């Protein structure tokens, strides 16, 4: 069964474009967060003293950001069902 969502055609292309844009944005933000997490974690393993703590905290913050993005995605998927 195919439901028409716009009066001019079968698909609402603007909504599809919005979903595509949001998906790409979240994917890019997630990749950047993972990159920073890995970078800061690697720096923490070679640093000494307060720099080691600072890099570890930065890695933790970006890691929590990744978890927040994943949790948000799960909540959105569960709300759609």
N, C-alpha and C. Protein backbone atom coordinates (compact mmCIF):
# COMPACT_ATOMS: atom_id res chain seq x y z
N UNK A 1 0.83 -1.16 0.00
CA UNK A 1 0.00 0.00 0.00
C UNK A 1 0.89 1.24 0.00
N UNK A 2 0.65 2.13 -0.93
CA UNK A 2 1.40 3.36 -1.04
C UNK A 2 0.46 4.52 -0.78
N UNK A 3 0.81 5.35 0.18
CA UNK A 3 -0.02 6.50 0.50
C UNK A 3 0.60 7.76 -0.07
N UNK A 4 -0.22 8.56 -0.72
CA UNK A 4 0.26 9.82 -1.27
C UNK A 4 0.34 10.85 -0.14
N UNK A 5 1.49 11.53 -0.05
CA UNK A 5 1.67 12.50 1.02
C UNK A 5 1.66 13.93 0.51
N UNK A 6 1.61 14.13 -0.77
CA UNK A 6 1.50 15.48 -1.31
C UNK A 6 0.52 15.47 -2.46
N UNK A 7 -0.02 16.61 -2.78
CA UNK A 7 -1.05 16.68 -3.81
C UNK A 7 -0.47 16.58 -5.21
N UNK A 8 0.83 16.81 -5.37
CA UNK A 8 1.41 16.83 -6.71
C UNK A 8 2.08 15.52 -7.11
N UNK A 9 2.28 14.64 -6.17
CA UNK A 9 2.98 13.42 -6.53
C UNK A 9 2.87 12.37 -5.46
N UNK A 10 3.64 11.34 -5.64
CA UNK A 10 3.59 10.20 -4.75
C UNK A 10 4.39 10.42 -3.47
N UNK A 11 5.46 11.22 -3.55
CA UNK A 11 6.33 11.44 -2.40
C UNK A 11 6.41 12.91 -2.04
N UNK A 12 6.67 13.16 -0.78
CA UNK A 12 6.94 14.52 -0.31
C UNK A 12 8.45 14.69 -0.33
N UNK A 13 8.97 15.21 -1.43
CA UNK A 13 10.40 15.27 -1.66
C UNK A 13 11.09 16.21 -0.68
N UNK A 14 10.42 17.26 -0.23
CA UNK A 14 11.03 18.17 0.73
C UNK A 14 11.27 17.48 2.07
N UNK A 15 10.32 16.69 2.51
CA UNK A 15 10.50 15.94 3.76
C UNK A 15 11.62 14.91 3.62
N UNK A 16 11.69 14.27 2.46
CA UNK A 16 12.76 13.30 2.22
C UNK A 16 14.12 13.99 2.24
N UNK A 17 14.19 15.19 1.68
CA UNK A 17 15.44 15.94 1.69
C UNK A 17 15.82 16.35 3.11
N UNK A 18 14.84 16.72 3.93
CA UNK A 18 15.11 17.06 5.33
C UNK A 18 15.66 15.85 6.08
N UNK A 19 15.06 14.70 5.88
CA UNK A 19 15.53 13.48 6.55
C UNK A 19 16.95 13.15 6.11
N UNK A 20 17.22 13.30 4.81
CA UNK A 20 18.56 13.05 4.30
C UNK A 20 19.57 14.01 4.92
N UNK A 21 19.23 15.28 4.99
CA UNK A 21 20.13 16.27 5.56
C UNK A 21 20.41 16.02 7.03
N UNK A 22 19.37 15.69 7.79
CA UNK A 22 19.55 15.41 9.21
C UNK A 22 20.40 14.17 9.41
N UNK A 23 20.18 13.15 8.59
CA UNK A 23 20.96 11.91 8.69
C UNK A 23 22.44 12.16 8.40
N UNK A 24 22.71 12.91 7.36
CA UNK A 24 24.10 13.23 7.00
C UNK A 24 24.76 14.05 8.11
N UNK A 25 24.03 15.01 8.66
CA UNK A 25 24.57 15.84 9.73
C UNK A 25 24.93 15.01 10.95
N UNK A 26 24.01 14.15 11.38
CA UNK A 26 24.30 13.32 12.55
C UNK A 26 25.44 12.35 12.27
N UNK A 27 25.52 11.83 11.06
CA UNK A 27 26.63 10.92 10.72
C UNK A 27 27.97 11.65 10.79
N UNK A 28 28.02 12.85 10.23
CA UNK A 28 29.27 13.61 10.25
C UNK A 28 29.67 14.00 11.68
N UNK A 29 28.71 14.43 12.47
CA UNK A 29 29.01 14.79 13.87
C UNK A 29 29.51 13.57 14.63
N UNK A 30 28.89 12.42 14.39
CA UNK A 30 29.32 11.20 15.06
C UNK A 30 30.76 10.82 14.66
N UNK A 31 31.06 10.93 13.38
CA UNK A 31 32.42 10.61 12.92
C UNK A 31 33.44 11.57 13.54
N UNK A 32 33.11 12.84 13.61
CA UNK A 32 34.01 13.82 14.22
C UNK A 32 34.21 13.51 15.70
N UNK A 33 33.12 13.18 16.40
CA UNK A 33 33.23 12.86 17.83
C UNK A 33 34.09 11.62 18.04
N UNK A 34 33.92 10.60 17.21
CA UNK A 34 34.73 9.39 17.33
C UNK A 34 36.20 9.72 17.05
N UNK A 35 36.45 10.54 16.05
CA UNK A 35 37.83 10.92 15.73
C UNK A 35 38.49 11.65 16.89
N UNK A 36 37.77 12.62 17.48
CA UNK A 36 38.34 13.34 18.61
C UNK A 36 38.53 12.43 19.81
N UNK A 37 37.61 11.51 20.03
CA UNK A 37 37.75 10.57 21.14
C UNK A 37 39.02 9.74 20.99
N UNK A 38 39.23 9.20 19.81
CA UNK A 38 40.42 8.38 19.55
C UNK A 38 41.69 9.24 19.67
N UNK A 39 41.65 10.44 19.11
CA UNK A 39 42.82 11.33 19.15
C UNK A 39 43.19 11.69 20.58
N UNK A 40 42.18 12.10 21.38
CA UNK A 40 42.47 12.49 22.76
C UNK A 40 42.88 11.29 23.60
N UNK A 41 42.31 10.14 23.34
CA UNK A 41 42.69 8.95 24.10
C UNK A 41 44.14 8.56 23.78
N UNK A 42 44.53 8.67 22.50
CA UNK A 42 45.91 8.37 22.13
C UNK A 42 46.87 9.38 22.75
N UNK A 43 46.48 10.64 22.79
CA UNK A 43 47.33 11.67 23.41
C UNK A 43 47.45 11.44 24.91
N UNK A 44 46.38 10.98 25.52
CA UNK A 44 46.41 10.72 26.97
C UNK A 44 47.36 9.58 27.30
N UNK A 45 47.49 8.62 26.40
CA UNK A 45 48.35 7.48 26.70
C UNK A 45 49.83 7.84 26.64
N UNK A 46 50.18 8.92 25.93
CA UNK A 46 51.59 9.30 25.83
C UNK A 46 51.94 10.53 26.67
N UNK A 47 50.94 11.26 27.15
CA UNK A 47 51.19 12.48 27.93
C UNK A 47 51.49 12.14 29.39
N UNK A 48 51.98 13.14 30.11
CA UNK A 48 52.30 12.97 31.53
C UNK A 48 51.64 14.09 32.33
N UNK A 49 51.31 13.77 33.57
CA UNK A 49 50.82 14.78 34.50
C UNK A 49 49.44 15.32 34.17
N UNK A 50 49.32 16.64 34.24
CA UNK A 50 48.02 17.28 34.06
C UNK A 50 47.53 17.18 32.62
N UNK A 51 48.45 17.10 31.66
CA UNK A 51 48.03 16.93 30.26
C UNK A 51 47.32 15.60 30.07
N UNK A 52 47.81 14.57 30.75
CA UNK A 52 47.19 13.25 30.64
C UNK A 52 45.76 13.29 31.15
N UNK A 53 45.55 13.97 32.27
CA UNK A 53 44.21 14.10 32.84
C UNK A 53 43.31 14.90 31.90
N UNK A 54 43.83 16.00 31.35
CA UNK A 54 43.05 16.85 30.45
C UNK A 54 42.64 16.08 29.20
N UNK A 55 43.57 15.34 28.61
CA UNK A 55 43.24 14.55 27.42
C UNK A 55 42.24 13.45 27.75
N UNK A 56 42.37 12.83 28.90
CA UNK A 56 41.43 11.79 29.30
C UNK A 56 40.02 12.35 29.49
N UNK A 57 39.93 13.53 30.11
CA UNK A 57 38.63 14.16 30.31
C UNK A 57 38.02 14.56 28.97
N UNK A 58 38.83 15.09 28.06
CA UNK A 58 38.33 15.45 26.74
C UNK A 58 37.82 14.21 26.00
N UNK A 59 38.55 13.11 26.08
CA UNK A 59 38.12 11.87 25.44
C UNK A 59 36.81 11.38 26.06
N UNK A 60 36.69 11.50 27.36
CA UNK A 60 35.46 11.10 28.05
C UNK A 60 34.28 11.96 27.60
N UNK A 61 34.49 13.25 27.49
CA UNK A 61 33.40 14.16 27.07
C UNK A 61 32.93 13.81 25.66
N UNK A 62 33.86 13.60 24.74
CA UNK A 62 33.47 13.25 23.39
C UNK A 62 32.84 11.85 23.34
N UNK A 63 33.32 10.93 24.17
CA UNK A 63 32.71 9.61 24.25
C UNK A 63 31.28 9.69 24.76
N UNK A 64 31.04 10.54 25.74
CA UNK A 64 29.67 10.75 26.23
C UNK A 64 28.79 11.40 25.16
N UNK A 65 29.39 12.25 24.35
CA UNK A 65 28.65 12.84 23.22
C UNK A 65 28.20 11.78 22.23
N UNK A 66 29.08 10.80 21.98
CA UNK A 66 28.72 9.69 21.09
C UNK A 66 27.55 8.90 21.68
N UNK A 67 27.64 8.61 22.97
CA UNK A 67 26.55 7.89 23.63
C UNK A 67 25.24 8.67 23.57
N UNK A 68 25.32 9.99 23.72
CA UNK A 68 24.11 10.81 23.64
C UNK A 68 23.49 10.75 22.25
N UNK A 69 24.32 10.78 21.21
CA UNK A 69 23.81 10.70 19.84
C UNK A 69 23.15 9.35 19.60
N UNK A 70 23.78 8.28 20.06
CA UNK A 70 23.20 6.94 19.90
C UNK A 70 21.89 6.82 20.66
N UNK A 71 21.86 7.32 21.89
CA UNK A 71 20.63 7.26 22.69
C UNK A 71 19.52 8.06 22.03
N UNK A 72 19.85 9.25 21.49
CA UNK A 72 18.85 10.05 20.80
C UNK A 72 18.30 9.30 19.59
N UNK A 73 19.17 8.65 18.83
CA UNK A 73 18.73 7.88 17.67
C UNK A 73 17.80 6.75 18.07
N UNK A 74 18.11 6.07 19.16
CA UNK A 74 17.25 4.98 19.62
C UNK A 74 15.89 5.51 20.05
N UNK A 75 15.89 6.64 20.76
CA UNK A 75 14.62 7.23 21.20
C UNK A 75 13.77 7.63 20.00
N UNK A 76 14.38 8.22 18.99
CA UNK A 76 13.63 8.62 17.79
C UNK A 76 13.07 7.39 17.08
N UNK A 77 13.87 6.34 16.95
CA UNK A 77 13.38 5.11 16.29
C UNK A 77 12.25 4.46 17.06
N UNK A 78 12.36 4.45 18.39
CA UNK A 78 11.31 3.84 19.20
C UNK A 78 10.02 4.66 19.15
N UNK A 79 10.13 5.96 19.02
CA UNK A 79 8.95 6.82 18.95
C UNK A 79 8.21 6.64 17.64
N UNK A 80 8.91 6.22 16.59
CA UNK A 80 8.29 6.03 15.28
C UNK A 80 7.51 4.74 15.16
N UNK A 81 7.75 3.79 16.06
CA UNK A 81 7.07 2.50 15.93
C UNK A 81 5.79 2.43 16.71
